[in-house]
N, C-alpha and C. Protein backbone atom coordinates (compact mmCIF):
# COMPACT_ATOMS: atom_id res chain seq x y z
N MET A 1 -107.28 162.92 92.47
CA MET A 1 -106.89 163.80 93.54
C MET A 1 -108.14 164.55 94.00
N ASN A 2 -108.27 164.71 95.28
CA ASN A 2 -109.46 165.40 95.80
C ASN A 2 -109.33 166.91 95.61
N GLY A 3 -110.35 167.64 95.94
CA GLY A 3 -110.37 169.08 95.74
C GLY A 3 -109.26 169.82 96.44
N THR A 4 -108.99 169.47 97.71
CA THR A 4 -107.94 170.12 98.47
C THR A 4 -106.57 169.81 97.87
N GLY A 5 -106.34 168.54 97.53
CA GLY A 5 -105.07 168.14 96.93
C GLY A 5 -104.83 168.84 95.61
N SER A 6 -105.90 168.99 94.83
CA SER A 6 -105.81 169.67 93.55
C SER A 6 -105.46 171.15 93.74
N LEU A 7 -106.07 171.77 94.72
CA LEU A 7 -105.79 173.17 95.01
C LEU A 7 -104.34 173.35 95.44
N ILE A 8 -103.85 172.48 96.31
CA ILE A 8 -102.46 172.56 96.77
C ILE A 8 -101.52 172.39 95.58
N TRP A 9 -101.80 171.44 94.69
CA TRP A 9 -100.96 171.22 93.52
C TRP A 9 -100.92 172.48 92.64
N GLU A 10 -102.06 173.14 92.46
CA GLU A 10 -102.12 174.36 91.65
C GLU A 10 -101.31 175.49 92.29
N VAL A 11 -101.35 175.59 93.61
CA VAL A 11 -100.57 176.61 94.32
C VAL A 11 -99.08 176.33 94.15
N ILE A 12 -98.67 175.07 94.25
CA ILE A 12 -97.26 174.70 94.07
C ILE A 12 -96.81 175.04 92.66
N LYS A 13 -97.62 174.69 91.66
CA LYS A 13 -97.25 174.99 90.27
C LYS A 13 -97.12 176.50 90.05
N ALA A 14 -98.04 177.28 90.60
CA ALA A 14 -97.98 178.74 90.45
C ALA A 14 -96.73 179.31 91.12
N TYR A 15 -96.38 178.77 92.30
CA TYR A 15 -95.19 179.22 93.01
C TYR A 15 -93.93 178.91 92.21
N LEU A 16 -93.82 177.68 91.71
CA LEU A 16 -92.63 177.27 90.98
C LEU A 16 -92.52 177.95 89.62
N ALA A 17 -93.64 178.28 89.00
CA ALA A 17 -93.62 178.88 87.67
C ALA A 17 -92.83 180.18 87.64
N SER A 18 -92.85 180.93 88.72
CA SER A 18 -92.12 182.20 88.75
C SER A 18 -90.69 182.04 89.27
N ARG A 19 -90.31 180.83 89.69
CA ARG A 19 -89.00 180.62 90.29
C ARG A 19 -88.13 179.60 89.57
N VAL A 20 -88.71 178.82 88.67
CA VAL A 20 -87.96 177.81 87.92
C VAL A 20 -88.23 178.01 86.44
N ALA A 21 -87.16 178.08 85.66
CA ALA A 21 -87.30 178.16 84.21
C ALA A 21 -86.82 176.85 83.62
N PHE A 22 -87.68 176.20 82.86
CA PHE A 22 -87.34 174.96 82.17
C PHE A 22 -86.52 175.34 80.94
N VAL A 23 -85.28 174.88 80.88
CA VAL A 23 -84.40 175.21 79.77
C VAL A 23 -84.49 174.15 78.68
N GLY A 24 -84.49 172.87 79.07
CA GLY A 24 -84.56 171.82 78.07
C GLY A 24 -84.47 170.43 78.68
N PHE A 25 -84.71 169.44 77.83
CA PHE A 25 -84.62 168.03 78.22
C PHE A 25 -83.88 167.29 77.12
N ARG A 26 -83.04 166.34 77.51
CA ARG A 26 -82.34 165.52 76.53
C ARG A 26 -82.14 164.12 77.09
N TRP A 27 -82.18 163.14 76.21
CA TRP A 27 -81.90 161.77 76.60
C TRP A 27 -80.40 161.57 76.65
N LEU A 28 -79.93 160.83 77.65
CA LEU A 28 -78.51 160.52 77.79
C LEU A 28 -78.28 159.05 77.46
N ASN A 29 -77.09 158.74 77.00
CA ASN A 29 -76.72 157.36 76.73
C ASN A 29 -76.15 156.77 78.02
N PRO A 30 -76.87 155.84 78.67
CA PRO A 30 -76.38 155.29 79.95
C PRO A 30 -75.10 154.49 79.80
N ARG A 31 -74.79 154.02 78.60
CA ARG A 31 -73.56 153.26 78.41
C ARG A 31 -72.31 154.13 78.57
N GLU A 32 -72.48 155.43 78.44
CA GLU A 32 -71.37 156.36 78.60
C GLU A 32 -71.22 156.83 80.04
N SER A 33 -72.10 156.39 80.91
CA SER A 33 -72.06 156.80 82.30
C SER A 33 -71.69 155.62 83.18
N GLN A 34 -71.69 155.86 84.47
CA GLN A 34 -71.39 154.80 85.42
C GLN A 34 -72.64 154.04 85.82
N ASP A 35 -73.79 154.43 85.30
CA ASP A 35 -75.04 153.78 85.68
C ASP A 35 -75.26 152.50 84.89
N ASP A 36 -76.24 151.77 85.28
CA ASP A 36 -76.62 150.53 84.64
C ASP A 36 -76.98 150.75 83.17
N PRO A 37 -76.37 149.99 82.24
CA PRO A 37 -76.68 150.19 80.82
C PRO A 37 -78.11 149.79 80.46
N ASP A 38 -78.84 149.13 81.36
CA ASP A 38 -80.21 148.73 81.08
C ASP A 38 -81.24 149.76 81.53
N CYS A 39 -80.78 150.94 81.95
CA CYS A 39 -81.73 151.95 82.39
C CYS A 39 -81.84 153.05 81.33
N ALA A 40 -82.92 153.79 81.38
CA ALA A 40 -83.10 154.95 80.52
C ALA A 40 -82.74 156.18 81.33
N MET A 41 -82.01 157.08 80.72
CA MET A 41 -81.57 158.27 81.45
C MET A 41 -81.91 159.53 80.67
N GLY A 42 -82.36 160.54 81.39
CA GLY A 42 -82.64 161.83 80.79
C GLY A 42 -82.09 162.93 81.67
N ALA A 43 -81.87 164.08 81.07
CA ALA A 43 -81.36 165.24 81.82
C ALA A 43 -82.31 166.41 81.60
N VAL A 44 -82.71 167.04 82.69
CA VAL A 44 -83.58 168.21 82.65
C VAL A 44 -82.73 169.40 83.08
N ASP A 45 -82.62 170.39 82.20
CA ASP A 45 -81.87 171.60 82.50
C ASP A 45 -82.83 172.65 83.06
N LEU A 46 -82.48 173.19 84.23
CA LEU A 46 -83.34 174.15 84.92
C LEU A 46 -82.55 175.39 85.30
N GLU A 47 -83.23 176.50 85.35
CA GLU A 47 -82.68 177.73 85.89
C GLU A 47 -83.48 178.02 87.15
N LEU A 48 -82.82 177.96 88.31
CA LEU A 48 -83.48 178.18 89.60
C LEU A 48 -83.34 179.63 90.01
N GLY A 49 -84.44 180.26 90.36
CA GLY A 49 -84.41 181.64 90.83
C GLY A 49 -83.78 181.73 92.21
N PRO A 50 -83.36 182.92 92.62
CA PRO A 50 -82.70 183.10 93.92
C PRO A 50 -83.49 182.57 95.11
N ASP A 51 -84.82 182.77 95.11
CA ASP A 51 -85.64 182.27 96.23
C ASP A 51 -85.55 180.76 96.33
N LEU A 52 -85.67 180.10 95.18
CA LEU A 52 -85.65 178.64 95.17
C LEU A 52 -84.27 178.09 95.52
N VAL A 53 -83.21 178.82 95.17
CA VAL A 53 -81.86 178.41 95.56
C VAL A 53 -81.74 178.39 97.08
N ASN A 54 -82.31 179.40 97.74
CA ASN A 54 -82.29 179.42 99.21
C ASN A 54 -83.05 178.24 99.79
N TYR A 55 -84.23 177.94 99.23
CA TYR A 55 -85.02 176.81 99.72
C TYR A 55 -84.32 175.48 99.45
N ALA A 56 -83.59 175.39 98.35
CA ALA A 56 -82.86 174.16 98.04
C ALA A 56 -81.81 173.89 99.11
N GLY A 57 -81.14 174.94 99.58
CA GLY A 57 -80.15 174.78 100.64
C GLY A 57 -80.79 174.31 101.93
N ALA A 58 -81.91 174.88 102.28
CA ALA A 58 -82.62 174.46 103.51
C ALA A 58 -83.11 173.02 103.37
N PHE A 59 -83.63 172.67 102.20
CA PHE A 59 -84.10 171.32 101.94
C PHE A 59 -82.96 170.31 102.06
N THR A 60 -81.79 170.67 101.56
CA THR A 60 -80.62 169.80 101.64
C THR A 60 -80.21 169.56 103.10
N LEU A 61 -80.27 170.60 103.91
CA LEU A 61 -79.92 170.43 105.33
C LEU A 61 -80.90 169.51 106.04
N VAL A 62 -82.18 169.60 105.68
CA VAL A 62 -83.17 168.69 106.26
C VAL A 62 -82.87 167.25 105.82
N LEU A 63 -82.56 167.07 104.53
CA LEU A 63 -82.22 165.73 104.04
C LEU A 63 -81.01 165.16 104.76
N GLN A 64 -80.02 166.00 105.03
CA GLN A 64 -78.82 165.53 105.72
C GLN A 64 -79.14 165.07 107.14
N ARG A 65 -80.07 165.72 107.78
CA ARG A 65 -80.46 165.27 109.12
C ARG A 65 -81.15 163.92 109.09
N LEU A 66 -81.88 163.66 107.99
CA LEU A 66 -82.59 162.38 107.87
C LEU A 66 -81.67 161.26 107.40
N ASP A 67 -80.66 161.60 106.61
CA ASP A 67 -79.77 160.58 106.05
C ASP A 67 -78.37 161.17 105.93
N ARG A 68 -77.45 160.64 106.70
CA ARG A 68 -76.08 161.17 106.75
C ARG A 68 -75.31 160.99 105.45
N ARG A 69 -75.84 160.21 104.49
CA ARG A 69 -75.15 160.02 103.21
C ARG A 69 -75.23 161.26 102.33
N VAL A 70 -76.11 162.22 102.67
CA VAL A 70 -76.20 163.46 101.90
C VAL A 70 -74.94 164.26 102.19
N ASN A 71 -74.16 164.51 101.14
CA ASN A 71 -72.88 165.19 101.27
C ASN A 71 -73.04 166.67 100.91
N THR A 72 -73.18 167.51 101.92
CA THR A 72 -73.37 168.94 101.67
C THR A 72 -72.06 169.62 101.25
N ASP A 73 -70.94 168.92 101.31
CA ASP A 73 -69.67 169.47 100.84
C ASP A 73 -69.46 169.20 99.35
N HIS A 74 -70.41 168.53 98.72
CA HIS A 74 -70.32 168.23 97.29
C HIS A 74 -70.27 169.55 96.51
N PRO A 75 -69.53 169.61 95.41
CA PRO A 75 -69.40 170.86 94.65
C PRO A 75 -70.73 171.47 94.20
N ILE A 76 -71.74 170.68 93.91
CA ILE A 76 -73.03 171.26 93.49
C ILE A 76 -73.67 172.04 94.62
N PHE A 77 -73.55 171.55 95.85
CA PHE A 77 -74.13 172.26 96.98
C PHE A 77 -73.31 173.50 97.33
N VAL A 78 -72.00 173.44 97.13
CA VAL A 78 -71.16 174.62 97.32
C VAL A 78 -71.56 175.69 96.30
N TYR A 79 -71.77 175.26 95.05
CA TYR A 79 -72.21 176.19 93.99
C TYR A 79 -73.55 176.83 94.35
N LEU A 80 -74.51 176.03 94.78
CA LEU A 80 -75.82 176.56 95.16
C LEU A 80 -75.70 177.52 96.34
N GLY A 81 -74.83 177.19 97.29
CA GLY A 81 -74.62 178.07 98.45
C GLY A 81 -74.05 179.41 98.05
N LYS A 82 -73.09 179.41 97.12
CA LYS A 82 -72.50 180.67 96.66
C LYS A 82 -73.53 181.50 95.91
N CYS A 83 -74.35 180.85 95.10
CA CYS A 83 -75.42 181.57 94.39
C CYS A 83 -76.40 182.18 95.39
N ALA A 84 -76.72 181.44 96.44
CA ALA A 84 -77.65 181.94 97.46
C ALA A 84 -77.06 183.15 98.18
N GLU A 85 -75.75 183.09 98.50
CA GLU A 85 -75.11 184.22 99.18
C GLU A 85 -75.14 185.48 98.35
N ARG A 86 -74.97 185.33 97.03
CA ARG A 86 -74.96 186.49 96.12
C ARG A 86 -76.37 186.88 95.68
N GLY A 87 -77.38 186.07 96.00
CA GLY A 87 -78.75 186.36 95.58
C GLY A 87 -78.94 186.18 94.08
N GLU A 88 -78.21 185.22 93.49
CA GLU A 88 -78.25 184.99 92.05
C GLU A 88 -79.02 183.72 91.72
N SER A 89 -79.43 183.62 90.46
CA SER A 89 -80.02 182.39 89.96
C SER A 89 -78.94 181.33 89.82
N ALA A 90 -79.36 180.07 89.74
CA ALA A 90 -78.42 178.96 89.57
C ALA A 90 -78.89 178.11 88.38
N ALA A 91 -77.94 177.72 87.55
CA ALA A 91 -78.23 176.83 86.42
C ALA A 91 -77.84 175.42 86.83
N VAL A 92 -78.80 174.49 86.81
CA VAL A 92 -78.54 173.11 87.22
C VAL A 92 -79.14 172.14 86.20
N THR A 93 -78.60 170.94 86.22
CA THR A 93 -79.14 169.85 85.42
C THR A 93 -79.52 168.73 86.38
N VAL A 94 -80.75 168.25 86.27
CA VAL A 94 -81.23 167.14 87.08
C VAL A 94 -81.22 165.91 86.19
N THR A 95 -80.49 164.87 86.61
CA THR A 95 -80.41 163.64 85.83
C THR A 95 -81.41 162.64 86.40
N ILE A 96 -82.19 162.05 85.52
CA ILE A 96 -83.22 161.09 85.91
C ILE A 96 -82.84 159.73 85.36
N SER A 97 -82.83 158.74 86.21
CA SER A 97 -82.53 157.37 85.81
C SER A 97 -83.77 156.51 86.03
N VAL A 98 -84.22 155.86 84.98
CA VAL A 98 -85.42 155.03 85.08
C VAL A 98 -85.03 153.59 84.81
N ARG A 99 -85.34 152.71 85.75
CA ARG A 99 -85.04 151.29 85.57
C ARG A 99 -86.11 150.45 86.23
N ARG A 100 -86.23 149.26 85.77
CA ARG A 100 -87.21 148.34 86.36
C ARG A 100 -86.70 147.84 87.71
N ARG A 101 -87.59 147.64 88.64
CA ARG A 101 -87.23 147.07 89.94
C ARG A 101 -88.17 145.94 90.26
N GLU A 102 -87.78 145.14 91.21
CA GLU A 102 -88.63 144.03 91.65
C GLU A 102 -89.75 144.59 92.50
N ARG A 103 -90.93 143.99 92.38
CA ARG A 103 -92.07 144.40 93.19
C ARG A 103 -91.83 144.05 94.66
N VAL A 104 -92.29 144.94 95.52
CA VAL A 104 -92.22 144.70 96.95
C VAL A 104 -93.60 144.24 97.39
N GLU A 105 -93.65 143.09 98.02
CA GLU A 105 -94.93 142.51 98.46
C GLU A 105 -95.33 143.06 99.81
């Protein structure tokens, strides 16, 4: 990464450090989920500060404009919206699915 990119990355990390609390990470058994049993799955538990909850809502609206499949009526987005209205932190879990894909030429 060049000097400017490195500086931007450091600014992002400093910004997020005061707004996101890492609670924990755990591996999930994909066979117990609806996902492909050949993938590896992990869950990251985060505590989002009020500022970041507001930005998450704005980010979701931008995503919805780019792709109509983003469902802003989903219960997680309703939860984030209520937290934003009250100015409270939000506790969320981000699930990561890792699987092999075919190379694109």
